[in-house]
Amino acid sequence: MNYFSVCDGIGAAHAALLPLGYRCVGVSEIDKYCNQLIEEKYGNTLFEKKYGFKNYGDFNEWKWWHEVLSKWYYIHLIIGGTPCQSFSIIGKRTGHDDLRGRLTTTFFDFVAHIAPRWFVWENVPGVLSIDGGRYFRRMLAQSAKCGYGVAWRVLDAQFFGVPQRRRRVYVVGCFGDPVRAGRVLFDTETVQSVSQVERKKKKKHTKKHSVRYSENSRFAGTVRPMAGGIVSERVELTVVDGVDNCRRIRKLTPLECERLQGFPDNYTAGFSNHQRYKMLGNSFPVPVIRWIGERILREEGGDEQ
């Protein structure tokens, strides 16, 4: 399946979907540091020949992306997490009045025009209560009018193999079929947040990942995610020093943040710590996107065309 990544960031969609056999046909991202990282990791000639990768830049300008619009039928999935700052309960909650918030409307306009078989959109849970919930309902209604069956769910990264509590809203749309959209996000056996069998598996994976997280360190802990990033100046960790058994509070390292988000070690190496924290904090948790991608492929019967 071919996908287009909106607000691509540091490429969590690529890290999650490419190993599953998906093909990237384009991205939209304007942050120069994110673009530099993506160019280093995915922008080589081989990748471009194999996947047709290209950064189309400012998402607000999509109506002038003639190359994308002329090849709309190549896009089977549109995925993106538009900026969350205007929806977060920590921020001013300006919603659509904020330019960043308007990118959410732009995302759904883009989906309506391209009409892919699937779309996946992610944001903070605060989006559910903006304008008394009416804003979120309008988004869903707009998708339904365009022919999409839509399902949404709050997923927590801690149940997908990484040791951090990171709750996000995921909206999945399937053109013409609400049942398939629902099956991607929900198990048929249960409507709990995670099925009992799945929960046990995720706990085992989280335990293993916690070991990896604390490698080469005497400390272990979890992160309290912030609206615009993964680490604040007052992140509190419960840690045990193996030498003197004292309890200490310290800031996570960028390497640990990479592990908490499910990226390979040193994925963001080569940038300042400030930029690494920002890029990782604004990213998807890779295992959650991989889980959704696997379930979309299952609904497609393994079809990767």
C-alpha atoms as a PDB file:
ATOM      1  CA  MET A   1       0.000   0.000   0.000  1.00  0.00           C
ATOM      2  CA  ASN A   2       1.174   3.519  -0.808  1.00  0.00           C
ATOM      3  CA  TYR A   3       0.977   6.167   1.889  1.00  0.00           C
ATOM      4  CA  PHE A   4       1.423   9.931   2.166  1.00  0.00           C
ATOM      5  CA  SER A   5       2.653  11.324   5.495  1.00  0.00           C
ATOM      6  CA  VAL A   6       1.309  14.725   6.571  1.00  0.00           C
ATOM      7  CA  CYS A   7       3.245  16.756   9.171  1.00  0.00           C
ATOM      8  CA  ASP A   8       5.856  14.050   8.825  1.00  0.00           C
ATOM      9  CA  GLY A   9       8.175  15.152  11.634  1.00  0.00           C
ATOM     10  CA  ILE A  10      11.031  12.704  12.132  1.00  0.00           C
ATOM     11  CA  GLY A  11       9.383   9.908  10.200  1.00  0.00           C
ATOM     12  CA  ALA A  12       7.624   7.750  12.784  1.00  0.00           C
ATOM     13  CA  ALA A  13       5.306   6.655   9.976  1.00  0.00           C
ATOM     14  CA  HIS A  14       8.297   5.407   7.977  1.00  0.00           C
ATOM     15  CA  ALA A  15       9.850   3.620  10.943  1.00  0.00           C
ATOM     16  CA  ALA A  16       6.529   1.884  11.555  1.00  0.00           C
ATOM     17  CA  LEU A  17       5.155   1.221   8.073  1.00  0.00           C
ATOM     18  CA  LEU A  18       8.089   0.601   5.739  1.00  0.00           C
ATOM     19  CA  PRO A  19       9.082  -2.664   7.489  1.00  0.00           C
ATOM     20  CA  LEU A  20       5.493  -3.854   6.926  1.00  0.00           C
ATOM     21  CA  GLY A  21       5.790  -3.436   3.162  1.00  0.00           C
ATOM     22  CA  TYR A  22       4.099  -0.044   2.797  1.00  0.00           C
ATOM     23  CA  ARG A  23       5.523   2.401   0.245  1.00  0.00           C
ATOM     24  CA  CYS A  24       5.942   6.120   0.896  1.00  0.00           C
ATOM     25  CA  VAL A  25       4.927   8.294  -2.061  1.00  0.00           C
ATOM     26  CA  GLY A  26       5.443  11.656  -0.392  1.00  0.00           C
ATOM     27  CA  VAL A  27       5.532  13.695   2.802  1.00  0.00           C
ATOM     28  CA  SER A  28       4.756  17.207   3.962  1.00  0.00           C
ATOM     29  CA  GLU A  29       7.063  18.820   6.537  1.00  0.00           C
ATOM     30  CA  ILE A  30       8.557  22.307   6.942  1.00  0.00           C
ATOM     31  CA  ASP A  31      10.748  22.000  10.058  1.00  0.00           C
ATOM     32  CA  LYS A  32      14.333  22.271   8.806  1.00  0.00           C
ATOM     33  CA  TYR A  33      15.761  19.949  11.468  1.00  0.00           C
ATOM     34  CA  CYS A  34      13.161  17.258  10.840  1.00  0.00           C
ATOM     35  CA  ASN A  35      13.734  17.578   7.112  1.00  0.00           C
ATOM     36  CA  GLN A  36      17.476  17.257   7.598  1.00  0.00           C
ATOM     37  CA  LEU A  37      16.999  14.072   9.610  1.00  0.00           C
ATOM     38  CA  ILE A  38      14.587  12.597   7.064  1.00  0.00           C
ATOM     39  CA  GLU A  39      16.927  13.465   4.204  1.00  0.00           C
ATOM     40  CA  GLU A  40      19.801  11.732   5.974  1.00  0.00           C
ATOM     41  CA  LYS A  41      17.815   8.598   6.762  1.00  0.00           C
ATOM     42  CA  TYR A  42      15.414   8.244   3.857  1.00  0.00           C
ATOM     43  CA  GLY A  43      16.299  10.747   1.142  1.00  0.00           C
ATOM     44  CA  ASN A  44      19.014   8.818  -0.646  1.00  0.00           C
ATOM     45  CA  THR A  45      18.717   7.911  -4.318  1.00  0.00           C
ATOM     46  CA  LEU A  46      17.892   4.276  -3.651  1.00  0.00           C
ATOM     47  CA  PHE A  47      14.968   5.235  -1.433  1.00  0.00           C
ATOM     48  CA  GLU A  48      13.626   7.698  -3.968  1.00  0.00           C
ATOM     49  CA  LYS A  49      13.775   5.116  -6.751  1.00  0.00           C
ATOM     50  CA  LYS A  50      12.166   2.436  -4.640  1.00  0.00           C
ATOM     51  CA  TYR A  51       9.458   4.438  -2.920  1.00  0.00           C
ATOM     52  CA  GLY A  52       9.039   7.675  -4.873  1.00  0.00           C
ATOM     53  CA  PHE A  53       9.741   9.682  -1.745  1.00  0.00           C
ATOM     54  CA  LYS A  54       9.451  13.477  -1.995  1.00  0.00           C
ATOM     55  CA  ASN A  55       8.881  16.281   0.501  1.00  0.00           C
ATOM     56  CA  TYR A  56       6.190  18.634  -0.811  1.00  0.00           C
ATOM     57  CA  GLY A  57       6.733  21.205   1.934  1.00  0.00           C
ATOM     58  CA  ASP A  58       4.058  23.428   3.480  1.00  0.00           C
ATOM     59  CA  PHE A  59       0.828  21.490   3.934  1.00  0.00           C
ATOM     60  CA  ASN A  60      -1.180  24.707   3.686  1.00  0.00           C
ATOM     61  CA  GLU A  61      -0.177  24.809   0.027  1.00  0.00           C
ATOM     62  CA  TRP A  62      -1.490  21.362  -0.925  1.00  0.00           C
ATOM     63  CA  LYS A  63      -3.897  22.735  -3.543  1.00  0.00           C
ATOM     64  CA  TRP A  64      -0.838  23.733  -5.588  1.00  0.00           C
ATOM     65  CA  TRP A  65       0.818  20.305  -5.351  1.00  0.00           C
ATOM     66  CA  HIS A  66       0.050  19.456  -8.953  1.00  0.00           C
ATOM     67  CA  GLU A  67       2.238  16.357  -8.951  1.00  0.00           C
ATOM     68  CA  VAL A  68       0.385  14.900  -5.959  1.00  0.00           C
ATOM     69  CA  LEU A  69      -3.045  15.810  -7.292  1.00  0.00           C
ATOM     70  CA  SER A  70      -2.307  14.301 -10.697  1.00  0.00           C
ATOM     71  CA  LYS A  71      -1.330  10.995  -9.070  1.00  0.00           C
ATOM     72  CA  TRP A  72      -3.965  10.915  -6.348  1.00  0.00           C
ATOM     73  CA  TYR A  73      -4.948   7.361  -7.317  1.00  0.00           C
ATOM     74  CA  TYR A  74      -1.538   6.110  -6.146  1.00  0.00           C
ATOM     75  CA  ILE A  75      -2.281   7.092  -2.536  1.00  0.00           C
ATOM     76  CA  HIS A  76      -4.002   4.354  -0.540  1.00  0.00           C
ATOM     77  CA  LEU A  77      -3.394   5.800   2.935  1.00  0.00           C
ATOM     78  CA  ILE A  78      -2.968   9.337   4.283  1.00  0.00           C
ATOM     79  CA  ILE A  79      -1.492   9.502   7.776  1.00  0.00           C
ATOM     80  CA  GLY A  80      -0.692  12.488   9.952  1.00  0.00           C
ATOM     81  CA  GLY A  81      -0.653  14.033  13.385  1.00  0.00           C
ATOM     82  CA  THR A  82      -1.423  17.736  12.998  1.00  0.00           C
ATOM     83  CA  PRO A  83      -0.047  20.143  15.664  1.00  0.00           C
ATOM     84  CA  CYS A  84      -1.602  19.570  19.071  1.00  0.00           C
ATOM     85  CA  GLN A  85      -0.735  22.814  20.888  1.00  0.00           C
ATOM     86  CA  SER A  86      -4.089  24.474  20.229  1.00  0.00           C
ATOM     87  CA  PHE A  87      -5.989  21.451  21.603  1.00  0.00           C
ATOM     88  CA  SER A  88      -3.910  20.497  24.632  1.00  0.00           C
ATOM     89  CA  ILE A  89      -5.380  21.047  28.092  1.00  0.00           C
ATOM     90  CA  ILE A  90      -2.000  22.530  29.049  1.00  0.00           C
ATOM     91  CA  GLY A  91      -2.189  25.243  26.371  1.00  0.00           C
ATOM     92  CA  LYS A  92      -4.656  28.046  25.642  1.00  0.00           C
ATOM     93  CA  ARG A  93      -7.012  25.649  23.824  1.00  0.00           C
ATOM     94  CA  THR A  94      -7.615  28.077  20.977  1.00  0.00           C
ATOM     95  CA  GLY A  95      -8.629  25.242  18.644  1.00  0.00           C
ATOM     96  CA  HIS A  96      -9.442  26.313  15.104  1.00  0.00           C
ATOM     97  CA  ASP A  97      -8.662  29.951  15.927  1.00  0.00           C
ATOM     98  CA  ASP A  98      -4.980  29.003  16.047  1.00  0.00           C
ATOM     99  CA  LEU A  99      -3.162  28.653  12.711  1.00  0.00           C
ATOM    100  CA  ARG A 100      -1.764  25.329  13.891  1.00  0.00           C
ATOM    101  CA  GLY A 101      -5.242  24.145  14.802  1.00  0.00           C
ATOM    102  CA  ARG A 102      -6.477  24.946  11.310  1.00  0.00           C
ATOM    103  CA  LEU A 103      -4.100  22.346   9.915  1.00  0.00           C
ATOM    104  CA  THR A 104      -6.532  19.760  11.270  1.00  0.00           C
ATOM    105  CA  THR A 105      -9.269  21.094   8.997  1.00  0.00           C
ATOM    106  CA  THR A 106      -6.712  21.200   6.184  1.00  0.00           C
ATOM    107  CA  PHE A 107      -5.907  17.533   6.819  1.00  0.00           C
ATOM    108  CA  PHE A 108      -9.526  16.472   6.391  1.00  0.00           C
ATOM    109  CA  ASP A 109      -9.926  18.710   3.326  1.00  0.00           C
ATOM    110  CA  PHE A 110      -6.899  16.993   1.807  1.00  0.00           C
ATOM    111  CA  VAL A 111      -8.349  13.566   2.594  1.00  0.00           C
ATOM    112  CA  ALA A 112     -11.672  14.553   1.043  1.00  0.00           C
ATOM    113  CA  HIS A 113      -9.953  15.673  -2.175  1.00  0.00           C
ATOM    114  CA  ILE A 114      -7.546  12.738  -2.554  1.00  0.00           C
ATOM    115  CA  ALA A 115     -10.080  10.137  -1.351  1.00  0.00           C
ATOM    116  CA  PRO A 116      -7.637   7.404  -0.297  1.00  0.00           C
ATOM    117  CA  ARG A 117      -8.992   4.050   0.861  1.00  0.00           C
ATOM    118  CA  TRP A 118      -7.745   4.790   4.398  1.00  0.00           C
ATOM    119  CA  PHE A 119      -6.689   7.675   6.582  1.00  0.00           C
ATOM    120  CA  VAL A 120      -5.185   7.808  10.072  1.00  0.00           C
ATOM    121  CA  TRP A 121      -5.152  11.002  12.150  1.00  0.00           C
ATOM    122  CA  GLU A 122      -3.621  11.480  15.617  1.00  0.00           C
ATOM    123  CA  ASN A 123      -3.848  14.176  18.280  1.00  0.00           C
ATOM    124  CA  VAL A 124      -4.039  14.786  22.032  1.00  0.00           C
ATOM    125  CA  PRO A 125      -7.195  13.775  23.962  1.00  0.00           C
ATOM    126  CA  GLY A 126      -7.904  17.466  24.595  1.00  0.00           C
ATOM    127  CA  VAL A 127      -9.288  17.690  21.058  1.00  0.00           C
ATOM    128  CA  LEU A 128     -12.325  15.736  22.243  1.00  0.00           C
ATOM    129  CA  SER A 129     -13.509  18.552  24.525  1.00  0.00           C
ATOM    130  CA  ILE A 130     -12.737  21.649  22.433  1.00  0.00           C
ATOM    131  CA  ASP A 131     -15.936  23.680  21.980  1.00  0.00           C
ATOM    132  CA  GLY A 132     -17.831  21.190  24.127  1.00  0.00           C
ATOM    133  CA  GLY A 133     -16.963  18.336  21.774  1.00  0.00           C
ATOM    134  CA  ARG A 134     -18.620  19.992  18.800  1.00  0.00           C
ATOM    135  CA  TYR A 135     -15.329  20.550  16.950  1.00  0.00           C
ATOM    136  CA  PHE A 136     -14.469  16.852  17.019  1.00  0.00           C
ATOM    137  CA  ARG A 137     -18.005  15.869  15.988  1.00  0.00           C
ATOM    138  CA  ARG A 138     -17.794  18.217  12.997  1.00  0.00           C
ATOM    139  CA  MET A 139     -14.575  16.512  11.886  1.00  0.00           C
ATOM    140  CA  LEU A 140     -16.212  13.114  12.031  1.00  0.00           C
ATOM    141  CA  ALA A 141     -19.334  14.390  10.266  1.00  0.00           C
ATOM    142  CA  GLN A 142     -17.209  15.917   7.495  1.00  0.00           C
ATOM    143  CA  SER A 143     -15.500  12.568   6.933  1.00  0.00           C
ATOM    144  CA  ALA A 144     -18.846  10.748   6.867  1.00  0.00           C
ATOM    145  CA  LYS A 145     -20.192  13.179   4.253  1.00  0.00           C
ATOM    146  CA  CYS A 146     -17.175  12.367   2.103  1.00  0.00           C
ATOM    147  CA  GLY A 147     -18.049   8.669   2.199  1.00  0.00           C
ATOM    148  CA  TYR A 148     -15.845   7.452   5.035  1.00  0.00           C
ATOM    149  CA  GLY A 149     -16.737   5.051   7.763  1.00  0.00           C
ATOM    150  CA  VAL A 150     -14.875   6.396  10.783  1.00  0.00           C
ATOM    151  CA  ALA A 151     -13.771   4.975  14.133  1.00  0.00           C
ATOM    152  CA  TRP A 152     -11.853   6.744  16.884  1.00  0.00           C
ATOM    153  CA  ARG A 153     -10.158   5.568  20.035  1.00  0.00           C
ATOM    154  CA  VAL A 154      -7.775   6.802  22.733  1.00  0.00           C
ATOM    155  CA  LEU A 155      -4.705   4.544  22.742  1.00  0.00           C
ATOM    156  CA  ASP A 156      -1.990   4.566  25.382  1.00  0.00           C
ATOM    157  CA  ALA A 157       1.589   3.839  24.280  1.00  0.00           C
ATOM    158  CA  GLN A 158       2.333   1.937  27.490  1.00  0.00           C
ATOM    159  CA  PHE A 159       0.287  -0.986  26.170  1.00  0.00           C
ATOM    160  CA  PHE A 160       2.284  -1.168  22.939  1.00  0.00           C
ATOM    161  CA  GLY A 161       5.713  -2.079  24.204  1.00  0.00           C
ATOM    162  CA  VAL A 162       7.170   1.215  25.440  1.00  0.00           C
ATOM    163  CA  PRO A 163       7.435   2.234  29.119  1.00  0.00           C
ATOM    164  CA  GLN A 164       5.623   5.561  29.037  1.00  0.00           C
ATOM    165  CA  ARG A 165       2.027   6.637  29.519  1.00  0.00           C
ATOM    166  CA  ARG A 166       1.176   8.578  26.354  1.00  0.00           C
ATOM    167  CA  ARG A 167      -2.526   8.749  25.576  1.00  0.00           C
ATOM    168  CA  ARG A 168      -3.527   9.983  22.122  1.00  0.00           C
ATOM    169  CA  VAL A 169      -6.698  10.049  20.030  1.00  0.00           C
ATOM    170  CA  TYR A 170      -6.469   8.020  16.818  1.00  0.00           C
ATOM    171  CA  VAL A 171      -9.094   8.404  14.111  1.00  0.00           C
ATOM    172  CA  VAL A 172      -9.187   5.784  11.351  1.00  0.00           C
ATOM    173  CA  GLY A 173     -11.295   6.199   8.248  1.00  0.00           C
ATOM    174  CA  CYS A 174     -12.098   3.584   5.627  1.00  0.00           C
ATOM    175  CA  PHE A 175     -13.802   4.720   2.441  1.00  0.00           C
ATOM    176  CA  GLY A 176     -17.306   3.320   2.255  1.00  0.00           C
ATOM    177  CA  ASP A 177     -16.989   0.897   5.173  1.00  0.00           C
ATOM    178  CA  PRO A 178     -17.422   1.823   8.878  1.00  0.00           C
ATOM    179  CA  VAL A 179     -17.090  -1.816   9.947  1.00  0.00           C
ATOM    180  CA  ARG A 180     -13.554  -2.147   8.607  1.00  0.00           C
ATOM    181  CA  ALA A 181     -12.514   1.116  10.257  1.00  0.00           C
ATOM    182  CA  GLY A 182     -13.859  -0.162  13.559  1.00  0.00           C
ATOM    183  CA  ARG A 183     -12.080  -3.480  13.219  1.00  0.00           C
ATOM    184  CA  VAL A 184      -8.752  -1.688  12.876  1.00  0.00           C
ATOM    185  CA  LEU A 185      -9.083   0.046  16.226  1.00  0.00           C
ATOM    186  CA  PHE A 186     -11.191  -2.431  18.176  1.00  0.00           C
ATOM    187  CA  ASP A 187     -11.004  -6.141  18.877  1.00  0.00           C
ATOM    188  CA  THR A 188     -14.154  -8.054  18.032  1.00  0.00           C
ATOM    189  CA  GLU A 189     -13.950 -10.029  21.290  1.00  0.00           C
ATOM    190  CA  THR A 190     -14.007  -7.003  23.585  1.00  0.00           C
ATOM    191  CA  VAL A 191     -14.522  -3.259  23.701  1.00  0.00           C
ATOM    192  CA  GLN A 192     -12.054  -2.745  26.541  1.00  0.00           C
ATOM    193  CA  SER A 193      -9.093  -0.393  25.963  1.00  0.00           C
ATOM    194  CA  VAL A 194      -6.952  -3.438  25.226  1.00  0.00           C
ATOM    195  CA  SER A 195      -8.114  -7.051  25.182  1.00  0.00           C
ATOM    196  CA  GLN A 196      -7.044  -9.229  28.102  1.00  0.00           C
ATOM    197  CA  VAL A 197      -4.800 -11.383  25.928  1.00  0.00           C
ATOM    198  CA  GLU A 198      -3.333  -8.341  24.221  1.00  0.00           C
ATOM    199  CA  ARG A 199      -2.792  -6.574  27.554  1.00  0.00           C
ATOM    200  CA  LYS A 200      -0.717  -9.476  28.908  1.00  0.00           C
ATOM    201  CA  LYS A 201       1.423  -9.513  25.763  1.00  0.00           C
ATOM    202  CA  LYS A 202       1.940  -5.757  25.895  1.00  0.00           C
ATOM    203  CA  LYS A 203       3.035  -5.907  29.540  1.00  0.00           C
ATOM    204  CA  LYS A 204       5.659  -8.507  28.657  1.00  0.00           C
ATOM    205  CA  HIS A 205       6.896  -6.351  25.774  1.00  0.00           C
ATOM    206  CA  THR A 206       6.953  -3.274  28.013  1.00  0.00           C
ATOM    207  CA  LYS A 207       9.020  -5.099  30.620  1.00  0.00           C
ATOM    208  CA  LYS A 208      11.551  -6.136  27.965  1.00  0.00           C
ATOM    209  CA  HIS A 209      11.638  -2.617  26.548  1.00  0.00           C
ATOM    210  CA  SER A 210      12.177  -1.163  30.029  1.00  0.00           C
ATOM    211  CA  VAL A 211      15.371  -3.181  30.263  1.00  0.00           C
ATOM    212  CA  ARG A 212      16.523  -1.738  26.935  1.00  0.00           C
ATOM    213  CA  TYR A 213      15.514   1.731  28.090  1.00  0.00           C
ATOM    214  CA  SER A 214      17.735   1.567  31.168  1.00  0.00           C
ATOM    215  CA  GLU A 215      20.726  -0.032  29.418  1.00  0.00           C
ATOM    216  CA  ASN A 216      24.042   1.609  30.244  1.00  0.00           C
ATOM    217  CA  SER A 217      22.337   3.516  33.029  1.00  0.00           C
ATOM    218  CA  ARG A 218      21.845   2.939  36.718  1.00  0.00           C
ATOM    219  CA  PHE A 219      18.412   4.506  36.519  1.00  0.00           C
ATOM    220  CA  ALA A 220      14.973   3.616  35.234  1.00  0.00           C
ATOM    221  CA  GLY A 221      11.681   5.469  35.168  1.00  0.00           C
ATOM    222  CA  THR A 222       8.851   6.851  33.075  1.00  0.00           C
ATOM    223  CA  VAL A 223       8.163  10.176  31.426  1.00  0.00           C
ATOM    224  CA  ARG A 224       5.313  12.607  31.887  1.00  0.00           C
ATOM    225  CA  PRO A 225       4.553  13.810  28.356  1.00  0.00           C
ATOM    226  CA  MET A 226       3.999  17.502  27.784  1.00  0.00           C
ATOM    227  CA  ALA A 227       1.869  19.211  25.114  1.00  0.00           C
ATOM    228  CA  GLY A 228       4.717  20.336  22.905  1.00  0.00           C
ATOM    229  CA  GLY A 229       7.391  17.869  23.926  1.00  0.00           C
ATOM    230  CA  ILE A 230       8.304  14.754  25.789  1.00  0.00           C
ATOM    231  CA  VAL A 231      10.309  16.343  28.596  1.00  0.00           C
ATOM    232  CA  SER A 232       9.769  19.351  30.810  1.00  0.00           C
ATOM    233  CA  GLU A 233      12.260  20.907  33.171  1.00  0.00           C
ATOM    234  CA  ARG A 234      10.428  19.242  36.073  1.00  0.00           C
ATOM    235  CA  VAL A 235      10.090  15.707  34.806  1.00  0.00           C
ATOM    236  CA  GLU A 236       9.985  13.515  37.911  1.00  0.00           C
ATOM    237  CA  LEU A 237      11.511  10.032  37.818  1.00  0.00           C
ATOM    238  CA  THR A 238      11.686   7.521  40.616  1.00  0.00           C
ATOM    239  CA  VAL A 239      15.183   6.153  40.283  1.00  0.00           C
ATOM    240  CA  VAL A 240      17.448   3.852  42.279  1.00  0.00           C
ATOM    241  CA  ASP A 241      21.210   4.236  42.272  1.00  0.00           C
ATOM    242  CA  GLY A 242      22.778   0.785  42.323  1.00  0.00           C
ATOM    243  CA  VAL A 243      25.824   2.057  44.175  1.00  0.00           C
ATOM    244  CA  ASP A 244      24.495   3.898  47.189  1.00  0.00           C
ATOM    245  CA  ASN A 245      20.758   3.084  46.870  1.00  0.00           C
ATOM    246  CA  CYS A 246      19.777   6.734  47.047  1.00  0.00           C
ATOM    247  CA  ARG A 247      16.752   8.106  45.229  1.00  0.00           C
ATOM    248  CA  ARG A 248      17.488  10.769  42.656  1.00  0.00           C
ATOM    249  CA  ILE A 249      15.560  12.930  40.183  1.00  0.00           C
ATOM    250  CA  ARG A 250      17.073  13.584  36.823  1.00  0.00           C
ATOM    251  CA  LYS A 251      16.156  14.469  33.249  1.00  0.00           C
ATOM    252  CA  LEU A 252      15.787  11.800  30.602  1.00  0.00           C
ATOM    253  CA  THR A 253      18.520  11.569  28.003  1.00  0.00           C
ATOM    254  CA  PRO A 254      17.680  11.869  24.289  1.00  0.00           C
ATOM    255  CA  LEU A 255      18.626   8.198  23.881  1.00  0.00           C
ATOM    256  CA  GLU A 256      16.050   7.215  26.501  1.00  0.00           C
ATOM    257  CA  CYS A 257      13.429   9.382  24.777  1.00  0.00           C
ATOM    258  CA  GLU A 258      14.135   7.574  21.516  1.00  0.00           C
ATOM    259  CA  ARG A 259      13.503   4.277  23.294  1.00  0.00           C
ATOM    260  CA  LEU A 260      10.351   5.588  24.960  1.00  0.00           C
ATOM    261  CA  GLN A 261       8.982   6.482  21.527  1.00  0.00           C
ATOM    262  CA  GLY A 262      10.046   3.159  20.007  1.00  0.00           C
ATOM    263  CA  PHE A 263      12.752   4.478  17.680  1.00  0.00           C
ATOM    264  CA  PRO A 264      16.100   2.751  17.112  1.00  0.00           C
ATOM    265  CA  ASP A 265      18.961   3.915  19.333  1.00  0.00           C
ATOM    266  CA  ASN A 266      20.612   7.159  18.162  1.00  0.00           C
ATOM    267  CA  TYR A 267      17.876   7.777  15.580  1.00  0.00           C
ATOM    268  CA  THR A 268      18.157  11.530  16.247  1.00  0.00           C
ATOM    269  CA  ALA A 269      21.905  11.613  16.936  1.00  0.00           C
ATOM    270  CA  GLY A 270      23.806  14.520  15.392  1.00  0.00           C
ATOM    271  CA  PHE A 271      21.379  17.225  16.551  1.00  0.00           C
ATOM    272  CA  SER A 272      21.453  19.342  19.705  1.00  0.00           C
ATOM    273  CA  ASN A 273      19.749  17.879  22.755  1.00  0.00           C
ATOM    274  CA  HIS A 274      17.189  20.686  22.576  1.00  0.00           C
ATOM    275  CA  GLN A 275      16.232  19.731  19.047  1.00  0.00           C
ATOM    276  CA  ARG A 276      16.227  16.021  19.837  1.00  0.00           C
ATOM    277  CA  TYR A 277      13.820  16.521  22.752  1.00  0.00           C
ATOM    278  CA  LYS A 278      11.535  18.674  20.613  1.00  0.00           C
ATOM    279  CA  MET A 279      11.537  16.327  17.612  1.00  0.00           C
ATOM    280  CA  LEU A 280      10.921  13.226  19.712  1.00  0.00           C
ATOM    281  CA  GLY A 281       8.267  14.889  21.858  1.00  0.00           C
ATOM    282  CA  ASN A 282       6.231  15.860  18.801  1.00  0.00           C
ATOM    283  CA  SER A 283       6.439  12.412  17.237  1.00  0.00           C
ATOM    284  CA  PHE A 284       4.181   9.365  17.160  1.00  0.00           C
ATOM    285  CA  PRO A 285       5.060   6.368  19.310  1.00  0.00           C
ATOM    286  CA  VAL A 286       6.286   4.032  16.571  1.00  0.00           C
ATOM    287  CA  PRO A 287       4.774   0.786  17.969  1.00  0.00           C
ATOM    288  CA  VAL A 288       1.251   2.265  18.013  1.00  0.00           C
ATOM    289  CA  ILE A 289       1.460   3.243  14.336  1.00  0.00           C
ATOM    290  CA  ARG A 290       2.924  -0.144  13.473  1.00  0.00           C
ATOM    291  CA  TRP A 291      -0.012  -1.842  15.249  1.00  0.00           C
ATOM    292  CA  ILE A 292      -2.525   0.243  13.291  1.00  0.00           C
ATOM    293  CA  GLY A 293      -0.632  -0.388  10.057  1.00  0.00           C
ATOM    294  CA  GLU A 294      -0.665  -4.133  10.652  1.00  0.00           C
ATOM    295  CA  ARG A 295      -4.401  -4.114  11.226  1.00  0.00           C
ATOM    296  CA  ILE A 296      -5.078  -2.066   8.089  1.00  0.00           C
ATOM    297  CA  LEU A 297      -3.088  -4.621   6.102  1.00  0.00           C
ATOM    298  CA  ARG A 298      -5.116  -7.377   7.730  1.00  0.00           C
ATOM    299  CA  GLU A 299      -8.299  -5.667   6.552  1.00  0.00           C
ATOM    300  CA  GLU A 300      -6.781  -5.412   3.097  1.00  0.00           C
ATOM    301  CA  GLY A 301      -6.088  -9.142   3.137  1.00  0.00           C
ATOM    302  CA  GLY A 302      -2.345  -8.531   3.081  1.00  0.00           C
ATOM    303  CA  ASP A 303      -2.680  -6.556  -0.168  1.00  0.00           C
ATOM    304  CA  GLU A 304       0.298  -4.220  -0.611  1.00  0.00           C
ATOM    305  CA  GLN A 305      -0.546  -2.857  -4.039  1.00  0.00           C
END
